[in-house]
Amino acid sequence: MCTKKELTFSVFLIHNLAEKWRKKPAEVYKILDDSQILDDYIIKCYDSLHTLGKDYLIEDITEFAIEKGIQL
């Protein structure tokens, strides 16, 4: 279970990644959830990640997903 702040942050990222990846937010959520990026990285590292800029976060998560072999 995550906190309200972590949930709000996750939704923010999902929508911004959806725009970057040209996918629907539901598709991005599924990708992040299936790959464990959502739980094991975004929520787990919330304290560090939420202090970073939007552009950096989008690039970081995009690169992380590619490293995990996810086709974007």
PDB file of N, CA and C in Angstrom:
ATOM      1  N   MET A   1       0.832  -1.183   0.000  1.00  0.00           N
ATOM      2  CA  MET A   1       0.000   0.000   0.000  1.00  0.00           C
ATOM      3  C   MET A   1       0.875   1.245   0.000  1.00  0.00           C
ATOM      4  N   CYS A   2       0.454   2.257  -0.696  1.00  0.00           N
ATOM      5  CA  CYS A   2       1.245   3.482  -0.754  1.00  0.00           C
ATOM      6  C   CYS A   2       0.483   4.640  -0.118  1.00  0.00           C
ATOM      7  N   THR A   3       1.209   5.699   0.175  1.00  0.00           N
ATOM      8  CA  THR A   3       0.605   6.880   0.779  1.00  0.00           C
ATOM      9  C   THR A   3      -0.072   7.722  -0.308  1.00  0.00           C
ATOM     10  N   LYS A   4      -0.844   8.689   0.129  1.00  0.00           N
ATOM     11  CA  LYS A   4      -1.517   9.581  -0.813  1.00  0.00           C
ATOM     12  C   LYS A   4      -0.487  10.353  -1.647  1.00  0.00           C
ATOM     13  N   LYS A   5       0.613  10.778  -1.019  1.00  0.00           N
ATOM     14  CA  LYS A   5       1.664  11.495  -1.735  1.00  0.00           C
ATOM     15  C   LYS A   5       2.303  10.610  -2.808  1.00  0.00           C
ATOM     16  N   GLU A   6       2.569   9.357  -2.457  1.00  0.00           N
ATOM     17  CA  GLU A   6       3.155   8.423  -3.422  1.00  0.00           C
ATOM     18  C   GLU A   6       2.195   8.146  -4.569  1.00  0.00           C
ATOM     19  N   LEU A   7       0.916   8.030  -4.262  1.00  0.00           N
ATOM     20  CA  LEU A   7      -0.092   7.804  -5.297  1.00  0.00           C
ATOM     21  C   LEU A   7      -0.188   8.997  -6.237  1.00  0.00           C
ATOM     22  N   THR A   8      -0.235  10.189  -5.673  1.00  0.00           N
ATOM     23  CA  THR A   8      -0.310  11.409  -6.480  1.00  0.00           C
ATOM     24  C   THR A   8       0.915  11.524  -7.383  1.00  0.00           C
ATOM     25  N   PHE A   9       2.081  11.240  -6.835  1.00  0.00           N
ATOM     26  CA  PHE A   9       3.331  11.279  -7.592  1.00  0.00           C
ATOM     27  C   PHE A   9       3.302  10.242  -8.721  1.00  0.00           C
ATOM     28  N   SER A  10       2.840   9.052  -8.421  1.00  0.00           N
ATOM     29  CA  SER A  10       2.768   7.982  -9.423  1.00  0.00           C
ATOM     30  C   SER A  10       1.835   8.359 -10.566  1.00  0.00           C
ATOM     31  N   VAL A  11       0.703   8.935 -10.251  1.00  0.00           N
ATOM     32  CA  VAL A  11      -0.256   9.362 -11.284  1.00  0.00           C
ATOM     33  C   VAL A  11       0.363  10.459 -12.150  1.00  0.00           C
ATOM     34  N   PHE A  12       1.041  11.403 -11.498  1.00  0.00           N
ATOM     35  CA  PHE A  12       1.753  12.464 -12.224  1.00  0.00           C
ATOM     36  C   PHE A  12       2.743  11.862 -13.222  1.00  0.00           C
ATOM     37  N   LEU A  13       3.537  10.900 -12.762  1.00  0.00           N
ATOM     38  CA  LEU A  13       4.520  10.268 -13.636  1.00  0.00           C
ATOM     39  C   LEU A  13       3.864   9.473 -14.756  1.00  0.00           C
ATOM     40  N   ILE A  14       2.839   8.733 -14.430  1.00  0.00           N
ATOM     41  CA  ILE A  14       2.145   7.928 -15.443  1.00  0.00           C
ATOM     42  C   ILE A  14       1.623   8.811 -16.570  1.00  0.00           C
ATOM     43  N   HIS A  15       1.018   9.926 -16.231  1.00  0.00           N
ATOM     44  CA  HIS A  15       0.475  10.821 -17.262  1.00  0.00           C
ATOM     45  C   HIS A  15       1.581  11.473 -18.093  1.00  0.00           C
ATOM     46  N   ASN A  16       2.671  11.838 -17.449  1.00  0.00           N
ATOM     47  CA  ASN A  16       3.779  12.435 -18.193  1.00  0.00           C
ATOM     48  C   ASN A  16       4.502  11.405 -19.051  1.00  0.00           C
ATOM     49  N   LEU A  17       4.651  10.195 -18.546  1.00  0.00           N
ATOM     50  CA  LEU A  17       5.238   9.127 -19.357  1.00  0.00           C
ATOM     51  C   LEU A  17       4.332   8.784 -20.534  1.00  0.00           C
ATOM     52  N   ALA A  18       3.032   8.796 -20.324  1.00  0.00           N
ATOM     53  CA  ALA A  18       2.077   8.512 -21.399  1.00  0.00           C
ATOM     54  C   ALA A  18       2.242   9.517 -22.535  1.00  0.00           C
ATOM     55  N   GLU A  19       2.439  10.761 -22.174  1.00  0.00           N
ATOM     56  CA  GLU A  19       2.646  11.793 -23.191  1.00  0.00           C
ATOM     57  C   GLU A  19       3.967  11.552 -23.932  1.00  0.00           C
ATOM     58  N   LYS A  20       5.021  11.274 -23.200  1.00  0.00           N
ATOM     59  CA  LYS A  20       6.344  11.031 -23.789  1.00  0.00           C
ATOM     60  C   LYS A  20       6.341   9.781 -24.665  1.00  0.00           C
ATOM     61  N   TRP A  21       5.725   8.705 -24.174  1.00  0.00           N
ATOM     62  CA  TRP A  21       5.724   7.426 -24.878  1.00  0.00           C
ATOM     63  C   TRP A  21       4.610   7.322 -25.917  1.00  0.00           C
ATOM     64  N   ARG A  22       3.742   8.315 -25.968  1.00  0.00           N
ATOM     65  CA  ARG A  22       2.605   8.328 -26.896  1.00  0.00           C
ATOM     66  C   ARG A  22       1.711   7.110 -26.712  1.00  0.00           C
ATOM     67  N   LYS A  23       1.387   6.891 -25.449  1.00  0.00           N
ATOM     68  CA  LYS A  23       0.496   5.789 -25.071  1.00  0.00           C
ATOM     69  C   LYS A  23      -0.574   6.326 -24.137  1.00  0.00           C
ATOM     70  N   LYS A  24      -1.600   5.536 -23.931  1.00  0.00           N
ATOM     71  CA  LYS A  24      -2.639   5.897 -22.972  1.00  0.00           C
ATOM     72  C   LYS A  24      -2.105   5.667 -21.557  1.00  0.00           C
ATOM     73  N   PRO A  25      -2.538   6.487 -20.605  1.00  0.00           N
ATOM     74  CA  PRO A  25      -2.091   6.296 -19.221  1.00  0.00           C
ATOM     75  C   PRO A  25      -2.321   4.870 -18.710  1.00  0.00           C
ATOM     76  N   ALA A  26      -3.418   4.239 -19.100  1.00  0.00           N
ATOM     77  CA  ALA A  26      -3.692   2.863 -18.667  1.00  0.00           C
ATOM     78  C   ALA A  26      -2.629   1.894 -19.190  1.00  0.00           C
ATOM     79  N   GLU A  27      -2.155   2.124 -20.415  1.00  0.00           N
ATOM     80  CA  GLU A  27      -1.097   1.277 -20.986  1.00  0.00           C
ATOM     81  C   GLU A  27       0.214   1.468 -20.215  1.00  0.00           C
ATOM     82  N   VAL A  28       0.528   2.722 -19.882  1.00  0.00           N
ATOM     83  CA  VAL A  28       1.749   3.022 -19.134  1.00  0.00           C
ATOM     84  C   VAL A  28       1.673   2.391 -17.749  1.00  0.00           C
ATOM     85  N   TYR A  29       0.509   2.509 -17.116  1.00  0.00           N
ATOM     86  CA  TYR A  29       0.344   1.883 -15.796  1.00  0.00           C
ATOM     87  C   TYR A  29       0.615   0.383 -15.887  1.00  0.00           C
ATOM     88  N   LYS A  30       0.066  -0.261 -16.889  1.00  0.00           N
ATOM     89  CA  LYS A  30       0.249  -1.711 -17.037  1.00  0.00           C
ATOM     90  C   LYS A  30       1.723  -2.058 -17.240  1.00  0.00           C
ATOM     91  N   ILE A  31       2.406  -1.288 -18.068  1.00  0.00           N
ATOM     92  CA  ILE A  31       3.839  -1.520 -18.306  1.00  0.00           C
ATOM     93  C   ILE A  31       4.620  -1.386 -16.998  1.00  0.00           C
ATOM     94  N   LEU A  32       4.375  -0.308 -16.265  1.00  0.00           N
ATOM     95  CA  LEU A  32       5.099  -0.062 -15.013  1.00  0.00           C
ATOM     96  C   LEU A  32       4.750  -1.089 -13.948  1.00  0.00           C
ATOM     97  N   ASP A  33       3.493  -1.489 -13.909  1.00  0.00           N
ATOM     98  CA  ASP A  33       3.067  -2.474 -12.915  1.00  0.00           C
ATOM     99  C   ASP A  33       3.615  -3.865 -13.244  1.00  0.00           C
ATOM    100  N   ASP A  34       3.481  -4.279 -14.484  1.00  0.00           N
ATOM    101  CA  ASP A  34       3.952  -5.607 -14.901  1.00  0.00           C
ATOM    102  C   ASP A  34       5.467  -5.766 -14.734  1.00  0.00           C
ATOM    103  N   SER A  35       6.200  -4.681 -14.941  1.00  0.00           N
ATOM    104  CA  SER A  35       7.658  -4.736 -14.859  1.00  0.00           C
ATOM    105  C   SER A  35       8.178  -4.480 -13.445  1.00  0.00           C
ATOM    106  N   GLN A  36       7.274  -4.211 -12.529  1.00  0.00           N
ATOM    107  CA  GLN A  36       7.613  -3.907 -11.132  1.00  0.00           C
ATOM    108  C   GLN A  36       8.307  -2.557 -10.958  1.00  0.00           C
ATOM    109  N   ILE A  37       8.387  -1.754 -12.024  1.00  0.00           N
ATOM    110  CA  ILE A  37       8.999  -0.431 -11.912  1.00  0.00           C
ATOM    111  C   ILE A  37       8.172   0.444 -10.978  1.00  0.00           C
ATOM    112  N   LEU A  38       6.868   0.301 -11.024  1.00  0.00           N
ATOM    113  CA  LEU A  38       6.008   1.122 -10.183  1.00  0.00           C
ATOM    114  C   LEU A  38       6.268   0.870  -8.702  1.00  0.00           C
ATOM    115  N   ASP A  39       6.197  -0.368  -8.288  1.00  0.00           N
ATOM    116  CA  ASP A  39       6.374  -0.691  -6.863  1.00  0.00           C
ATOM    117  C   ASP A  39       7.829  -0.642  -6.414  1.00  0.00           C
ATOM    118  N   ASP A  40       8.715  -1.257  -7.207  1.00  0.00           N
ATOM    119  CA  ASP A  40      10.103  -1.426  -6.777  1.00  0.00           C
ATOM    120  C   ASP A  40      10.995  -0.217  -7.031  1.00  0.00           C
ATOM    121  N   TYR A  41      10.523   0.726  -7.822  1.00  0.00           N
ATOM    122  CA  TYR A  41      11.354   1.899  -8.090  1.00  0.00           C
ATOM    123  C   TYR A  41      10.612   3.205  -7.767  1.00  0.00           C
ATOM    124  N   ILE A  42       9.492   3.441  -8.425  1.00  0.00           N
ATOM    125  CA  ILE A  42       8.802   4.728  -8.259  1.00  0.00           C
ATOM    126  C   ILE A  42       8.293   4.907  -6.830  1.00  0.00           C
ATOM    127  N   ILE A  43       7.568   3.939  -6.322  1.00  0.00           N
ATOM    128  CA  ILE A  43       7.020   4.076  -4.968  1.00  0.00           C
ATOM    129  C   ILE A  43       8.104   3.858  -3.914  1.00  0.00           C
ATOM    130  N   LYS A  44       8.925   2.842  -4.115  1.00  0.00           N
ATOM    131  CA  LYS A  44       9.972   2.537  -3.137  1.00  0.00           C
ATOM    132  C   LYS A  44      10.966   3.690  -2.979  1.00  0.00           C
ATOM    133  N   CYS A  45      11.281   4.371  -4.070  1.00  0.00           N
ATOM    134  CA  CYS A  45      12.267   5.458  -4.045  1.00  0.00           C
ATOM    135  C   CYS A  45      11.620   6.840  -4.066  1.00  0.00           C
ATOM    136  N   TYR A  46      10.362   6.912  -3.697  1.00  0.00           N
ATOM    137  CA  TYR A  46       9.619   8.176  -3.720  1.00  0.00           C
ATOM    138  C   TYR A  46      10.376   9.305  -3.025  1.00  0.00           C
ATOM    139  N   ASP A  47      10.927   9.047  -1.844  1.00  0.00           N
ATOM    140  CA  ASP A  47      11.594  10.099  -1.069  1.00  0.00           C
ATOM    141  C   ASP A  47      12.699  10.784  -1.869  1.00  0.00           C
ATOM    142  N   SER A  48      13.418  10.033  -2.669  1.00  0.00           N
ATOM    143  CA  SER A  48      14.482  10.617  -3.497  1.00  0.00           C
ATOM    144  C   SER A  48      13.932  11.163  -4.810  1.00  0.00           C
ATOM    145  N   LEU A  49      13.082  10.384  -5.448  1.00  0.00           N
ATOM    146  CA  LEU A  49      12.601  10.747  -6.781  1.00  0.00           C
ATOM    147  C   LEU A  49      11.754  12.016  -6.805  1.00  0.00           C
ATOM    148  N   HIS A  50      10.937  12.234  -5.791  1.00  0.00           N
ATOM    149  CA  HIS A  50      10.017  13.377  -5.862  1.00  0.00           C
ATOM    150  C   HIS A  50      10.736  14.726  -5.776  1.00  0.00           C
ATOM    151  N   THR A  51      12.029  14.697  -5.456  1.00  0.00           N
ATOM    152  CA  THR A  51      12.793  15.943  -5.386  1.00  0.00           C
ATOM    153  C   THR A  51      13.412  16.312  -6.733  1.00  0.00           C
ATOM    154  N   LEU A  52      13.305  15.428  -7.714  1.00  0.00           N
ATOM    155  CA  LEU A  52      13.925  15.633  -9.019  1.00  0.00           C
ATOM    156  C   LEU A  52      12.966  16.317  -9.988  1.00  0.00           C
ATOM    157  N   GLY A  53      13.509  16.896 -11.024  1.00  0.00           N
ATOM    158  CA  GLY A  53      12.704  17.574 -12.033  1.00  0.00           C
ATOM    159  C   GLY A  53      11.954  16.601 -12.925  1.00  0.00           C
ATOM    160  N   LYS A  54      10.861  17.084 -13.487  1.00  0.00           N
ATOM    161  CA  LYS A  54      10.000  16.257 -14.333  1.00  0.00           C
ATOM    162  C   LYS A  54      10.759  15.676 -15.521  1.00  0.00           C
ATOM    163  N   ASP A  55      11.508  16.498 -16.239  1.00  0.00           N
ATOM    164  CA  ASP A  55      12.210  16.016 -17.429  1.00  0.00           C
ATOM    165  C   ASP A  55      13.227  14.932 -17.071  1.00  0.00           C
ATOM    166  N   TYR A  56      13.947  15.137 -15.977  1.00  0.00           N
ATOM    167  CA  TYR A  56      14.919  14.145 -15.541  1.00  0.00           C
ATOM    168  C   TYR A  56      14.222  12.830 -15.190  1.00  0.00           C
ATOM    169  N   LEU A  57      13.122  12.913 -14.463  1.00  0.00           N
ATOM    170  CA  LEU A  57      12.375  11.718 -14.065  1.00  0.00           C
ATOM    171  C   LEU A  57      11.881  10.928 -15.276  1.00  0.00           C
ATOM    172  N   ILE A  58      11.338  11.647 -16.247  1.00  0.00           N
ATOM    173  CA  ILE A  58      10.803  10.995 -17.444  1.00  0.00           C
ATOM    174  C   ILE A  58      11.931  10.270 -18.188  1.00  0.00           C
ATOM    175  N   GLU A  59      13.080  10.929 -18.336  1.00  0.00           N
ATOM    176  CA  GLU A  59      14.222  10.297 -18.998  1.00  0.00           C
ATOM    177  C   GLU A  59      14.743   9.108 -18.195  1.00  0.00           C
ATOM    178  N   ASP A  60      14.857   9.275 -16.891  1.00  0.00           N
ATOM    179  CA  ASP A  60      15.363   8.219 -16.022  1.00  0.00           C
ATOM    180  C   ASP A  60      14.487   6.970 -16.090  1.00  0.00           C
ATOM    181  N   ILE A  61      13.204   7.143 -15.978  1.00  0.00           N
ATOM    182  CA  ILE A  61      12.285   5.995 -15.995  1.00  0.00           C
ATOM    183  C   ILE A  61      12.229   5.375 -17.394  1.00  0.00           C
ATOM    184  N   THR A  62      12.299   6.204 -18.413  1.00  0.00           N
ATOM    185  CA  THR A  62      12.324   5.697 -19.784  1.00  0.00           C
ATOM    186  C   THR A  62      13.560   4.818 -20.000  1.00  0.00           C
ATOM    187  N   GLU A  63      14.727   5.307 -19.588  1.00  0.00           N
ATOM    188  CA  GLU A  63      15.958   4.535 -19.721  1.00  0.00           C
ATOM    189  C   GLU A  63      15.898   3.243 -18.908  1.00  0.00           C
ATOM    190  N   PHE A  64      15.345   3.332 -17.700  1.00  0.00           N
ATOM    191  CA  PHE A  64      15.223   2.158 -16.835  1.00  0.00           C
ATOM    192  C   PHE A  64      14.336   1.106 -17.497  1.00  0.00           C
ATOM    193  N   ALA A  65      13.225   1.549 -18.077  1.00  0.00           N
ATOM    194  CA  ALA A  65      12.314   0.618 -18.754  1.00  0.00           C
ATOM    195  C   ALA A  65      13.001  -0.051 -19.946  1.00  0.00           C
ATOM    196  N   ILE A  66      13.755   0.719 -20.706  1.00  0.00           N
ATOM    197  CA  ILE A  66      14.467   0.169 -21.867  1.00  0.00           C
ATOM    198  C   ILE A  66      15.506  -0.854 -21.410  1.00  0.00           C
ATOM    199  N   GLU A  67      16.226  -0.538 -20.317  1.00  0.00           N
ATOM    200  CA  GLU A  67      17.212  -1.474 -19.779  1.00  0.00           C
ATOM    201  C   GLU A  67      16.561  -2.796 -19.347  1.00  0.00           C
ATOM    202  N   LYS A  68      15.309  -2.715 -18.909  1.00  0.00           N
ATOM    203  CA  LYS A  68      14.587  -3.924 -18.506  1.00  0.00           C
ATOM    204  C   LYS A  68      14.024  -4.673 -19.721  1.00  0.00           C
ATOM    205  N   GLY A  69      14.285  -4.163 -20.912  1.00  0.00           N
ATOM    206  CA  GLY A  69      13.856  -4.840 -22.134  1.00  0.00           C
ATOM    207  C   GLY A  69      12.450  -4.504 -22.575  1.00  0.00           C
ATOM    208  N   ILE A  70      11.897  -3.419 -22.070  1.00  0.00           N
ATOM    209  CA  ILE A  70      10.539  -3.031 -22.430  1.00  0.00           C
ATOM    210  C   ILE A  70      10.572  -2.248 -23.736  1.00  0.00           C
ATOM    211  N   GLN A  71       9.760  -2.658 -24.674  1.00  0.00           N
ATOM    212  CA  GLN A  71       9.640  -1.961 -25.958  1.00  0.00           C
ATOM    213  C   GLN A  71       8.686  -0.801 -25.793  1.00  0.00           C
ATOM    214  N   LEU A  72       9.180   0.381 -26.012  1.00  0.00           N
ATOM    215  CA  LEU A  72       8.327   1.568 -25.893  1.00  0.00           C
ATOM    216  C   LEU A  72       8.019   2.073 -27.280  1.00  0.00           C
TER     217      LEU A  72
END
